[in-house]
Amino acid sequence: MSQWLISIEGTETGQTVALCLALLAAFLHAAFGALQKGKHDPWLSRGAIDGCYGLIALPVALFLVPWPEPHMWPIFFGAFVTHTAYKFLQAAAYTQGAYTVVYPVVRGTGPLFAMIGAVILFGESYSLMQWLGVAILVSGIFGLAVYNLIFLEVDRAKLPSALTLAVATGVFVALYTTYDAYGIRATADPFTFLAWFFVIDGWLMPIVAAFRLHSSGERPAPWPLLRRGVIGAFVAYFSFGSIMLATRLDQVGEAAVLRETSTVFAAIIGWLVLRETVGPRRIALMALIALGAVVVELGG
């Protein structure tokens, strides 16, 4: 698999595969966000998921993929720092606001900064139509934020802080997407980066969750939380793995933007699974975010 992926980098086949991987990541990102928001405390859910994906990835990293090159260890450290900041911000945002409020702003803010980062770091260039697509996407984001500020009746006191945290989280989405794209290109085998990333990234949040559990005095049923952790681990593998492989096969900015069609999946999941009220106006604004992502892809 590794050799085949490396062989199609920069080819038409690679672009097609990257497109499919980015769309898969879009759906799985929405599912992952719903798993973390769910009925459990977002901090506990994240701790369970991270602990599970770190433990499951450990034997793969030790025995099934090539050992990382020496220059990869500082890169792994940087990835750990950026992802930790992102996870703290995301958990705080989900604590403050509803999933369908927080998720679109988080996922929609990232692409603009990811494209700018790809231009600076990788020398990528984008057409006028692609920048127009980004403008459409960003207008949908801010339209959604304004709509929520005006019309949303649930947790209005927490809404400004939830939106602020969501925007900050989106900035870190762009940061880790760009940085991780650099990381996965820095090693000969992309699966080396993915396996070791999950091992290194998986130890901190279970400790944070344990402290939070101890201080709150709550004792949630362990098996449902463990089940959420295992399911979330495999969703994370395919979601993060898909978008990282897409950034290695094609332009980082395009992959990052196309992934944000996840806002449409988020609206459906929030409505069907979490029983959150979405409404036609918010659906239209989420669709505008997705439309911007599609325009970016078509303009490439």
C-alpha atoms as a PDB file:
ATOM      1  CA  MET A   1       0.000   0.000   0.000  1.00  0.00           C
ATOM      2  CA  SER A   2       2.770   2.461   0.928  1.00  0.00           C
ATOM      3  CA  GLN A   3       4.640   1.895  -2.340  1.00  0.00           C
ATOM      4  CA  TRP A   4       1.472   2.343  -4.400  1.00  0.00           C
ATOM      5  CA  LEU A   5       0.585   5.606  -2.635  1.00  0.00           C
ATOM      6  CA  ILE A   6       4.094   6.940  -3.117  1.00  0.00           C
ATOM      7  CA  SER A   7       3.994   5.952  -6.812  1.00  0.00           C
ATOM      8  CA  ILE A   8       0.832   8.000  -7.526  1.00  0.00           C
ATOM      9  CA  GLU A   9       1.962  11.223  -5.810  1.00  0.00           C
ATOM     10  CA  GLY A  10       1.543  14.176  -8.178  1.00  0.00           C
ATOM     11  CA  THR A  11      -0.349  12.143 -10.801  1.00  0.00           C
ATOM     12  CA  GLU A  12      -3.941  12.333 -12.042  1.00  0.00           C
ATOM     13  CA  THR A  13      -4.694   9.113 -10.204  1.00  0.00           C
ATOM     14  CA  GLY A  14      -3.261  10.658  -7.067  1.00  0.00           C
ATOM     15  CA  GLN A  15      -5.545  13.679  -7.436  1.00  0.00           C
ATOM     16  CA  THR A  16      -8.606  11.443  -7.787  1.00  0.00           C
ATOM     17  CA  VAL A  17      -7.639   9.340  -4.797  1.00  0.00           C
ATOM     18  CA  ALA A  18      -6.980  12.524  -2.783  1.00  0.00           C
ATOM     19  CA  LEU A  19     -10.464  13.800  -3.661  1.00  0.00           C
ATOM     20  CA  CYS A  20     -12.082  10.572  -2.427  1.00  0.00           C
ATOM     21  CA  LEU A  21      -9.973  10.563   0.724  1.00  0.00           C
ATOM     22  CA  ALA A  22     -10.876  14.192   1.526  1.00  0.00           C
ATOM     23  CA  LEU A  23     -14.603  13.440   1.148  1.00  0.00           C
ATOM     24  CA  LEU A  24     -14.254  10.382   3.376  1.00  0.00           C
ATOM     25  CA  ALA A  25     -12.467  12.526   5.940  1.00  0.00           C
ATOM     26  CA  ALA A  26     -15.320  15.063   5.745  1.00  0.00           C
ATOM     27  CA  PHE A  27     -17.944  12.507   6.742  1.00  0.00           C
ATOM     28  CA  LEU A  28     -15.762  10.939   9.420  1.00  0.00           C
ATOM     29  CA  HIS A  29     -14.834  14.328  10.902  1.00  0.00           C
ATOM     30  CA  ALA A  30     -18.511  15.070  11.436  1.00  0.00           C
ATOM     31  CA  ALA A  31     -19.027  11.645  13.014  1.00  0.00           C
ATOM     32  CA  PHE A  32     -15.996  12.152  15.259  1.00  0.00           C
ATOM     33  CA  GLY A  33     -17.283  15.528  16.447  1.00  0.00           C
ATOM     34  CA  ALA A  34     -20.647  13.983  17.305  1.00  0.00           C
ATOM     35  CA  LEU A  35     -18.927  11.184  19.234  1.00  0.00           C
ATOM     36  CA  GLN A  36     -16.989  13.694  21.326  1.00  0.00           C
ATOM     37  CA  LYS A  37     -20.005  15.925  21.925  1.00  0.00           C
ATOM     38  CA  GLY A  38     -22.435  13.036  22.603  1.00  0.00           C
ATOM     39  CA  LYS A  39     -24.036  12.450  25.987  1.00  0.00           C
ATOM     40  CA  HIS A  40     -20.764  12.275  27.935  1.00  0.00           C
ATOM     41  CA  ASP A  41     -18.627  15.191  29.085  1.00  0.00           C
ATOM     42  CA  PRO A  42     -16.554  16.140  25.987  1.00  0.00           C
ATOM     43  CA  TRP A  43     -13.363  15.943  28.065  1.00  0.00           C
ATOM     44  CA  LEU A  44     -14.150  12.369  29.129  1.00  0.00           C
ATOM     45  CA  SER A  45     -15.087  11.351  25.593  1.00  0.00           C
ATOM     46  CA  ARG A  46     -11.861  12.781  24.232  1.00  0.00           C
ATOM     47  CA  GLY A  47      -9.838  11.055  26.941  1.00  0.00           C
ATOM     48  CA  ALA A  48     -11.444   7.689  26.164  1.00  0.00           C
ATOM     49  CA  ILE A  49     -10.924   8.097  22.411  1.00  0.00           C
ATOM     50  CA  ASP A  50      -7.290   9.208  22.687  1.00  0.00           C
ATOM     51  CA  GLY A  51      -6.419   6.469  25.151  1.00  0.00           C
ATOM     52  CA  CYS A  52      -7.919   3.818  22.896  1.00  0.00           C
ATOM     53  CA  TYR A  53      -6.278   5.009  19.699  1.00  0.00           C
ATOM     54  CA  GLY A  54      -2.892   5.317  21.379  1.00  0.00           C
ATOM     55  CA  LEU A  55      -2.996   1.777  22.787  1.00  0.00           C
ATOM     56  CA  ILE A  56      -4.316   0.213  19.572  1.00  0.00           C
ATOM     57  CA  ALA A  57      -1.701   2.019  17.453  1.00  0.00           C
ATOM     58  CA  LEU A  58       1.232   1.023  19.690  1.00  0.00           C
ATOM     59  CA  PRO A  59       1.834  -2.518  18.309  1.00  0.00           C
ATOM     60  CA  VAL A  60       1.409  -1.197  14.758  1.00  0.00           C
ATOM     61  CA  ALA A  61       4.052   1.475  15.365  1.00  0.00           C
ATOM     62  CA  LEU A  62       6.456  -0.964  17.033  1.00  0.00           C
ATOM     63  CA  PHE A  63       6.174  -3.951  14.726  1.00  0.00           C
ATOM     64  CA  LEU A  64       4.363  -3.194  11.439  1.00  0.00           C
ATOM     65  CA  VAL A  65       5.723   0.087  10.046  1.00  0.00           C
ATOM     66  CA  PRO A  66       9.313   1.243   9.429  1.00  0.00           C
ATOM     67  CA  TRP A  67      10.991   2.970  12.370  1.00  0.00           C
ATOM     68  CA  PRO A  68      10.905   6.813  12.158  1.00  0.00           C
ATOM     69  CA  GLU A  69      13.988   8.565  10.850  1.00  0.00           C
ATOM     70  CA  PRO A  70      15.887  10.596  13.524  1.00  0.00           C
ATOM     71  CA  HIS A  71      14.687  13.931  12.121  1.00  0.00           C
ATOM     72  CA  MET A  72      11.052  12.871  12.676  1.00  0.00           C
ATOM     73  CA  TRP A  73      11.115  13.049  16.487  1.00  0.00           C
ATOM     74  CA  PRO A  74      11.136  16.889  16.697  1.00  0.00           C
ATOM     75  CA  ILE A  75       8.355  16.890  14.089  1.00  0.00           C
ATOM     76  CA  PHE A  76       6.298  14.512  16.230  1.00  0.00           C
ATOM     77  CA  PHE A  77       6.836  16.805  19.223  1.00  0.00           C
ATOM     78  CA  GLY A  78       5.542  19.801  17.243  1.00  0.00           C
ATOM     79  CA  ALA A  79       2.504  17.806  16.119  1.00  0.00           C
ATOM     80  CA  PHE A  80       1.800  16.811  19.725  1.00  0.00           C
ATOM     81  CA  VAL A  81       1.878  20.443  20.874  1.00  0.00           C
ATOM     82  CA  THR A  82      -0.409  21.758  18.112  1.00  0.00           C
ATOM     83  CA  HIS A  83      -2.917  18.916  18.487  1.00  0.00           C
ATOM     84  CA  THR A  84      -3.006  19.283  22.270  1.00  0.00           C
ATOM     85  CA  ALA A  85      -3.836  22.986  21.992  1.00  0.00           C
ATOM     86  CA  TYR A  86      -6.507  22.155  19.395  1.00  0.00           C
ATOM     87  CA  LYS A  87      -8.112  19.477  21.593  1.00  0.00           C
ATOM     88  CA  PHE A  88      -8.226  21.710  24.658  1.00  0.00           C
ATOM     89  CA  LEU A  89      -9.894  24.465  22.652  1.00  0.00           C
ATOM     90  CA  GLN A  90     -12.345  22.065  21.005  1.00  0.00           C
ATOM     91  CA  ALA A  91     -13.399  20.433  24.266  1.00  0.00           C
ATOM     92  CA  ALA A  92     -13.889  23.879  25.816  1.00  0.00           C
ATOM     93  CA  ALA A  93     -15.977  24.977  22.820  1.00  0.00           C
ATOM     94  CA  TYR A  94     -18.212  21.889  23.023  1.00  0.00           C
ATOM     95  CA  THR A  95     -18.656  22.506  26.750  1.00  0.00           C
ATOM     96  CA  GLN A  96     -19.922  26.015  26.006  1.00  0.00           C
ATOM     97  CA  GLY A  97     -22.103  25.483  22.918  1.00  0.00           C
ATOM     98  CA  ALA A  98     -24.264  23.029  20.976  1.00  0.00           C
ATOM     99  CA  TYR A  99     -22.644  20.758  18.402  1.00  0.00           C
ATOM    100  CA  THR A 100     -24.431  22.342  15.425  1.00  0.00           C
ATOM    101  CA  VAL A 101     -23.315  25.786  16.650  1.00  0.00           C
ATOM    102  CA  VAL A 102     -19.666  24.993  17.361  1.00  0.00           C
ATOM    103  CA  TYR A 103     -18.808  22.435  14.687  1.00  0.00           C
ATOM    104  CA  PRO A 104     -19.510  24.474  11.497  1.00  0.00           C
ATOM    105  CA  VAL A 105     -17.499  27.441  12.764  1.00  0.00           C
ATOM    106  CA  VAL A 106     -14.572  25.225  13.816  1.00  0.00           C
ATOM    107  CA  ARG A 107     -14.445  23.335  10.547  1.00  0.00           C
ATOM    108  CA  GLY A 108     -15.194  26.371   8.401  1.00  0.00           C
ATOM    109  CA  THR A 109     -12.591  28.737   9.849  1.00  0.00           C
ATOM    110  CA  GLY A 110      -9.699  26.377   9.171  1.00  0.00           C
ATOM    111  CA  PRO A 111      -9.545  26.278   5.338  1.00  0.00           C
ATOM    112  CA  LEU A 112      -8.708  29.961   4.823  1.00  0.00           C
ATOM    113  CA  PHE A 113      -5.732  29.753   7.153  1.00  0.00           C
ATOM    114  CA  ALA A 114      -4.770  26.320   5.805  1.00  0.00           C
ATOM    115  CA  MET A 115      -4.616  27.676   2.244  1.00  0.00           C
ATOM    116  CA  ILE A 116      -2.522  30.652   3.352  1.00  0.00           C
ATOM    117  CA  GLY A 117      -0.215  28.281   5.246  1.00  0.00           C
ATOM    118  CA  ALA A 118       0.076  26.011   2.178  1.00  0.00           C
ATOM    119  CA  VAL A 119       1.059  28.995   0.025  1.00  0.00           C
ATOM    120  CA  ILE A 120       3.783  30.028   2.494  1.00  0.00           C
ATOM    121  CA  LEU A 121       5.087  26.581   3.479  1.00  0.00           C
ATOM    122  CA  PHE A 122       4.649  24.520   0.302  1.00  0.00           C
ATOM    123  CA  GLY A 123       4.614  27.218  -2.388  1.00  0.00           C
ATOM    124  CA  GLU A 124       1.148  26.173  -3.574  1.00  0.00           C
ATOM    125  CA  SER A 125      -0.804  28.538  -5.827  1.00  0.00           C
ATOM    126  CA  TYR A 126      -4.553  28.897  -6.265  1.00  0.00           C
ATOM    127  CA  SER A 127      -6.777  30.358  -8.973  1.00  0.00           C
ATOM    128  CA  LEU A 128      -9.106  33.338  -8.600  1.00  0.00           C
ATOM    129  CA  MET A 129     -12.059  30.923  -8.642  1.00  0.00           C
ATOM    130  CA  GLN A 130     -10.571  28.998  -5.730  1.00  0.00           C
ATOM    131  CA  TRP A 131     -10.150  32.155  -3.652  1.00  0.00           C
ATOM    132  CA  LEU A 132     -13.763  33.025  -4.562  1.00  0.00           C
ATOM    133  CA  GLY A 133     -14.765  29.634  -3.171  1.00  0.00           C
ATOM    134  CA  VAL A 134     -12.960  30.448   0.063  1.00  0.00           C
ATOM    135  CA  ALA A 135     -14.824  33.781   0.216  1.00  0.00           C
ATOM    136  CA  ILE A 136     -18.156  31.940  -0.199  1.00  0.00           C
ATOM    137  CA  LEU A 137     -17.165  29.504   2.525  1.00  0.00           C
ATOM    138  CA  VAL A 138     -16.109  32.233   4.961  1.00  0.00           C
ATOM    139  CA  SER A 139     -19.314  34.218   4.283  1.00  0.00           C
ATOM    140  CA  GLY A 140     -21.297  31.117   5.219  1.00  0.00           C
ATOM    141  CA  ILE A 141     -19.315  30.801   8.440  1.00  0.00           C
ATOM    142  CA  PHE A 142     -19.848  34.365   9.552  1.00  0.00           C
ATOM    143  CA  GLY A 143     -23.470  34.258   8.397  1.00  0.00           C
ATOM    144  CA  LEU A 144     -23.975  31.233  10.603  1.00  0.00           C
ATOM    145  CA  ALA A 145     -22.264  32.941  13.530  1.00  0.00           C
ATOM    146  CA  VAL A 146     -24.429  36.075  13.151  1.00  0.00           C
ATOM    147  CA  TYR A 147     -27.585  33.964  12.820  1.00  0.00           C
ATOM    148  CA  ASN A 148     -26.753  32.089  16.018  1.00  0.00           C
ATOM    149  CA  LEU A 149     -26.062  35.322  17.880  1.00  0.00           C
ATOM    150  CA  ILE A 150     -29.412  36.787  16.812  1.00  0.00           C
ATOM    151  CA  PHE A 151     -31.828  33.860  16.847  1.00  0.00           C
ATOM    152  CA  LEU A 152     -30.516  30.995  18.973  1.00  0.00           C
ATOM    153  CA  GLU A 153     -32.402  30.738  22.260  1.00  0.00           C
ATOM    154  CA  VAL A 154     -30.457  27.871  23.891  1.00  0.00           C
ATOM    155  CA  ASP A 155     -27.491  28.840  26.133  1.00  0.00           C
ATOM    156  CA  ARG A 156     -27.471  32.414  24.869  1.00  0.00           C
ATOM    157  CA  ALA A 157     -25.292  33.524  27.773  1.00  0.00           C
ATOM    158  CA  LYS A 158     -22.562  31.094  26.662  1.00  0.00           C
ATOM    159  CA  LEU A 159     -22.933  31.723  22.937  1.00  0.00           C
ATOM    160  CA  PRO A 160     -20.296  34.488  22.500  1.00  0.00           C
ATOM    161  CA  SER A 161     -17.674  32.441  24.353  1.00  0.00           C
ATOM    162  CA  ALA A 162     -18.642  29.299  22.398  1.00  0.00           C
ATOM    163  CA  LEU A 163     -18.210  31.106  19.069  1.00  0.00           C
ATOM    164  CA  THR A 164     -14.909  32.684  20.157  1.00  0.00           C
ATOM    165  CA  LEU A 165     -13.563  29.288  21.187  1.00  0.00           C
ATOM    166  CA  ALA A 166     -14.844  27.798  17.929  1.00  0.00           C
ATOM    167  CA  VAL A 167     -12.935  30.359  15.833  1.00  0.00           C
ATOM    168  CA  ALA A 168      -9.770  29.808  17.887  1.00  0.00           C
ATOM    169  CA  THR A 169     -10.152  26.060  17.417  1.00  0.00           C
ATOM    170  CA  GLY A 170     -10.531  26.585  13.668  1.00  0.00           C
ATOM    171  CA  VAL A 171      -7.213  28.443  13.581  1.00  0.00           C
ATOM    172  CA  PHE A 172      -5.546  25.442  15.190  1.00  0.00           C
ATOM    173  CA  VAL A 173      -7.268  23.126  12.711  1.00  0.00           C
ATOM    174  CA  ALA A 174      -5.455  25.042   9.961  1.00  0.00           C
ATOM    175  CA  LEU A 175      -2.209  24.971  11.915  1.00  0.00           C
ATOM    176  CA  TYR A 176      -2.209  21.230  12.531  1.00  0.00           C
ATOM    177  CA  THR A 177      -3.408  20.441   8.995  1.00  0.00           C
ATOM    178  CA  THR A 178      -0.520  22.387   7.464  1.00  0.00           C
ATOM    179  CA  TYR A 179       2.040  21.173   9.975  1.00  0.00           C
ATOM    180  CA  ASP A 180       0.977  17.529   9.706  1.00  0.00           C
ATOM    181  CA  ALA A 181       1.085  17.745   5.911  1.00  0.00           C
ATOM    182  CA  TYR A 182       4.707  18.799   6.309  1.00  0.00           C
ATOM    183  CA  GLY A 183       5.278  15.904   8.721  1.00  0.00           C
ATOM    184  CA  ILE A 184       3.795  13.182   6.544  1.00  0.00           C
ATOM    185  CA  ARG A 185       5.909  14.393   3.607  1.00  0.00           C
ATOM    186  CA  ALA A 186       9.070  14.383   5.732  1.00  0.00           C
ATOM    187  CA  THR A 187       9.171  10.584   6.161  1.00  0.00           C
ATOM    188  CA  ALA A 188       9.666   7.917   3.514  1.00  0.00           C
ATOM    189  CA  ASP A 189       6.644   5.851   4.579  1.00  0.00           C
ATOM    190  CA  PRO A 190       3.433   7.819   5.298  1.00  0.00           C
ATOM    191  CA  PHE A 191       2.122   5.091   7.619  1.00  0.00           C
ATOM    192  CA  THR A 192       5.154   5.585   9.868  1.00  0.00           C
ATOM    193  CA  PHE A 193       3.988   9.127  10.525  1.00  0.00           C
ATOM    194  CA  LEU A 194       0.374   8.061  11.096  1.00  0.00           C
ATOM    195  CA  ALA A 195       1.111   5.178  13.476  1.00  0.00           C
ATOM    196  CA  TRP A 196       3.598   7.078  15.631  1.00  0.00           C
ATOM    197  CA  PHE A 197       1.428  10.182  15.644  1.00  0.00           C
ATOM    198  CA  PHE A 198      -1.414   8.266  17.318  1.00  0.00           C
ATOM    199  CA  VAL A 199       0.937   6.674  19.857  1.00  0.00           C
ATOM    200  CA  ILE A 200       2.495  10.002  20.846  1.00  0.00           C
ATOM    201  CA  ASP A 201      -0.781  11.916  20.718  1.00  0.00           C
ATOM    202  CA  GLY A 202      -2.781   9.403  22.749  1.00  0.00           C
ATOM    203  CA  TRP A 203      -1.400   9.639  26.290  1.00  0.00           C
ATOM    204  CA  LEU A 204      -2.219  13.157  27.567  1.00  0.00           C
ATOM    205  CA  MET A 205      -6.009  13.471  27.288  1.00  0.00           C
ATOM    206  CA  PRO A 206      -6.731  10.280  29.312  1.00  0.00           C
ATOM    207  CA  ILE A 207      -4.763  11.864  32.187  1.00  0.00           C
ATOM    208  CA  VAL A 208      -6.692  15.130  31.827  1.00  0.00           C
ATOM    209  CA  ALA A 209      -9.979  13.187  31.751  1.00  0.00           C
ATOM    210  CA  ALA A 210      -8.989  11.233  34.876  1.00  0.00           C
ATOM    211  CA  PHE A 211      -8.260  14.451  36.795  1.00  0.00           C
ATOM    212  CA  ARG A 212     -11.540  15.952  35.609  1.00  0.00           C
ATOM    213  CA  LEU A 213     -13.409  12.816  36.652  1.00  0.00           C
ATOM    214  CA  HIS A 214     -11.793  12.861  40.079  1.00  0.00           C
ATOM    215  CA  SER A 215     -12.530  16.545  40.691  1.00  0.00           C
ATOM    216  CA  SER A 216     -16.152  16.335  39.533  1.00  0.00           C
ATOM    217  CA  GLY A 217     -17.006  13.286  41.611  1.00  0.00           C
ATOM    218  CA  GLU A 218     -19.069  11.869  38.746  1.00  0.00           C
ATOM    219  CA  ARG A 219     -18.888   8.178  37.934  1.00  0.00           C
ATOM    220  CA  PRO A 220     -20.236   7.521  34.450  1.00  0.00           C
ATOM    221  CA  ALA A 221     -20.875   3.918  33.405  1.00  0.00           C
ATOM    222  CA  PRO A 222     -17.485   2.655  32.158  1.00  0.00           C
ATOM    223  CA  TRP A 223     -18.608   0.369  29.327  1.00  0.00           C
ATOM    224  CA  PRO A 224     -20.521   2.950  27.264  1.00  0.00           C
ATOM    225  CA  LEU A 225     -17.563   5.338  27.599  1.00  0.00           C
ATOM    226  CA  LEU A 226     -15.103   2.607  26.612  1.00  0.00           C
ATOM    227  CA  ARG A 227     -17.273   1.668  23.634  1.00  0.00           C
ATOM    228  CA  ARG A 228     -17.302   5.318  22.555  1.00  0.00           C
ATOM    229  CA  GLY A 229     -13.513   5.371  22.910  1.00  0.00           C
ATOM    230  CA  VAL A 230     -12.958   2.290  20.731  1.00  0.00           C
ATOM    231  CA  ILE A 231     -15.383   3.451  18.031  1.00  0.00           C
ATOM    232  CA  GLY A 232     -13.880   6.942  18.136  1.00  0.00           C
ATOM    233  CA  ALA A 233     -10.386   5.490  17.798  1.00  0.00           C
ATOM    234  CA  PHE A 234     -11.186   3.774  14.515  1.00  0.00           C
ATOM    235  CA  VAL A 235     -13.088   6.811  13.240  1.00  0.00           C
ATOM    236  CA  ALA A 236      -9.997   8.903  14.076  1.00  0.00           C
ATOM    237  CA  TYR A 237      -7.685   6.482  12.242  1.00  0.00           C
ATOM    238  CA  PHE A 238      -9.678   6.672   9.031  1.00  0.00           C
ATOM    239  CA  SER A 239     -10.547  10.367   9.335  1.00  0.00           C
ATOM    240  CA  PHE A 240      -7.081  11.694  10.150  1.00  0.00           C
ATOM    241  CA  GLY A 241      -5.379   9.094   7.985  1.00  0.00           C
ATOM    242  CA  SER A 242      -7.554   9.967   4.987  1.00  0.00           C
ATOM    243  CA  ILE A 243      -6.928  13.700   5.121  1.00  0.00           C
ATOM    244  CA  MET A 244      -3.191  13.282   5.766  1.00  0.00           C
ATOM    245  CA  LEU A 245      -2.781  10.927   2.817  1.00  0.00           C
ATOM    246  CA  ALA A 246      -4.824  13.361   0.693  1.00  0.00           C
ATOM    247  CA  THR A 247      -2.422  16.197   1.589  1.00  0.00           C
ATOM    248  CA  ARG A 248       0.528  14.025   0.540  1.00  0.00           C
ATOM    249  CA  LEU A 249      -1.068  13.086  -2.783  1.00  0.00           C
ATOM    250  CA  ASP A 250      -2.420  16.512  -3.760  1.00  0.00           C
ATOM    251  CA  GLN A 251      -2.429  20.176  -2.715  1.00  0.00           C
ATOM    252  CA  VAL A 252      -2.773  20.735   1.021  1.00  0.00           C
ATOM    253  CA  GLY A 253      -5.155  23.676   0.683  1.00  0.00           C
ATOM    254  CA  GLU A 254      -7.567  21.886  -1.642  1.00  0.00           C
ATOM    255  CA  ALA A 255      -7.750  18.838   0.597  1.00  0.00           C
ATOM    256  CA  ALA A 256      -8.300  20.988   3.689  1.00  0.00           C
ATOM    257  CA  VAL A 257     -11.091  22.959   2.041  1.00  0.00           C
ATOM    258  CA  LEU A 258     -12.878  19.952   0.551  1.00  0.00           C
ATOM    259  CA  ARG A 259     -12.918  18.311   3.970  1.00  0.00           C
ATOM    260  CA  GLU A 260     -15.130  21.147   5.196  1.00  0.00           C
ATOM    261  CA  THR A 261     -18.108  19.708   3.343  1.00  0.00           C
ATOM    262  CA  SER A 262     -18.310  17.910   6.698  1.00  0.00           C
ATOM    263  CA  THR A 263     -20.559  20.768   7.842  1.00  0.00           C
ATOM    264  CA  VAL A 264     -23.380  19.234   5.819  1.00  0.00           C
ATOM    265  CA  PHE A 265     -22.814  15.854   7.457  1.00  0.00           C
ATOM    266  CA  ALA A 266     -22.638  17.622  10.832  1.00  0.00           C
ATOM    267  CA  ALA A 267     -26.065  19.179  10.301  1.00  0.00           C
ATOM    268  CA  ILE A 268     -27.566  15.793   9.461  1.00  0.00           C
ATOM    269  CA  ILE A 269     -25.899  14.059  12.424  1.00  0.00           C
ATOM    270  CA  GLY A 270     -26.850  16.847  14.826  1.00  0.00           C
ATOM    271  CA  TRP A 271     -30.465  16.611  13.710  1.00  0.00           C
ATOM    272  CA  LEU A 272     -30.869  12.834  13.436  1.00  0.00           C
ATOM    273  CA  VAL A 273     -28.564  11.570  16.186  1.00  0.00           C
ATOM    274  CA  LEU A 274     -28.171  14.344  18.761  1.00  0.00           C
ATOM    275  CA  ARG A 275     -31.742  15.639  18.303  1.00  0.00           C
ATOM    276  CA  GLU A 276     -30.547  19.231  18.005  1.00  0.00           C
ATOM    277  CA  THR A 277     -32.753  21.743  16.220  1.00  0.00           C
ATOM    278  CA  VAL A 278     -31.152  22.825  12.954  1.00  0.00           C
ATOM    279  CA  GLY A 279     -33.775  24.699  10.920  1.00  0.00           C
ATOM    280  CA  PRO A 280     -33.818  25.675   7.231  1.00  0.00           C
ATOM    281  CA  ARG A 281     -31.805  28.896   7.601  1.00  0.00           C
ATOM    282  CA  ARG A 282     -28.938  27.228   9.410  1.00  0.00           C
ATOM    283  CA  ILE A 283     -28.985  24.350   6.927  1.00  0.00           C
ATOM    284  CA  ALA A 284     -28.761  26.871   4.082  1.00  0.00           C
ATOM    285  CA  LEU A 285     -25.780  28.600   5.697  1.00  0.00           C
ATOM    286  CA  MET A 286     -24.024  25.271   6.305  1.00  0.00           C
ATOM    287  CA  ALA A 287     -24.681  24.375   2.668  1.00  0.00           C
ATOM    288  CA  LEU A 288     -23.080  27.699   1.667  1.00  0.00           C
ATOM    289  CA  ILE A 289     -19.940  26.657   3.547  1.00  0.00           C
ATOM    290  CA  ALA A 290     -19.943  23.353   1.668  1.00  0.00           C
ATOM    291  CA  LEU A 291     -20.578  25.156  -1.653  1.00  0.00           C
ATOM    292  CA  GLY A 292     -17.479  27.255  -1.111  1.00  0.00           C
ATOM    293  CA  ALA A 293     -15.442  24.090  -0.618  1.00  0.00           C
ATOM    294  CA  VAL A 294     -16.813  22.638  -3.852  1.00  0.00           C
ATOM    295  CA  VAL A 295     -15.996  25.827  -5.794  1.00  0.00           C
ATOM    296  CA  VAL A 296     -12.414  25.624  -4.526  1.00  0.00           C
ATOM    297  CA  GLU A 297     -12.144  22.063  -5.810  1.00  0.00           C
ATOM    298  CA  LEU A 298     -13.717  22.849  -9.198  1.00  0.00           C
ATOM    299  CA  GLY A 299     -11.438  25.863  -9.630  1.00  0.00           C
ATOM    300  CA  GLY A 300      -8.320  23.731  -9.208  1.00  0.00           C
END
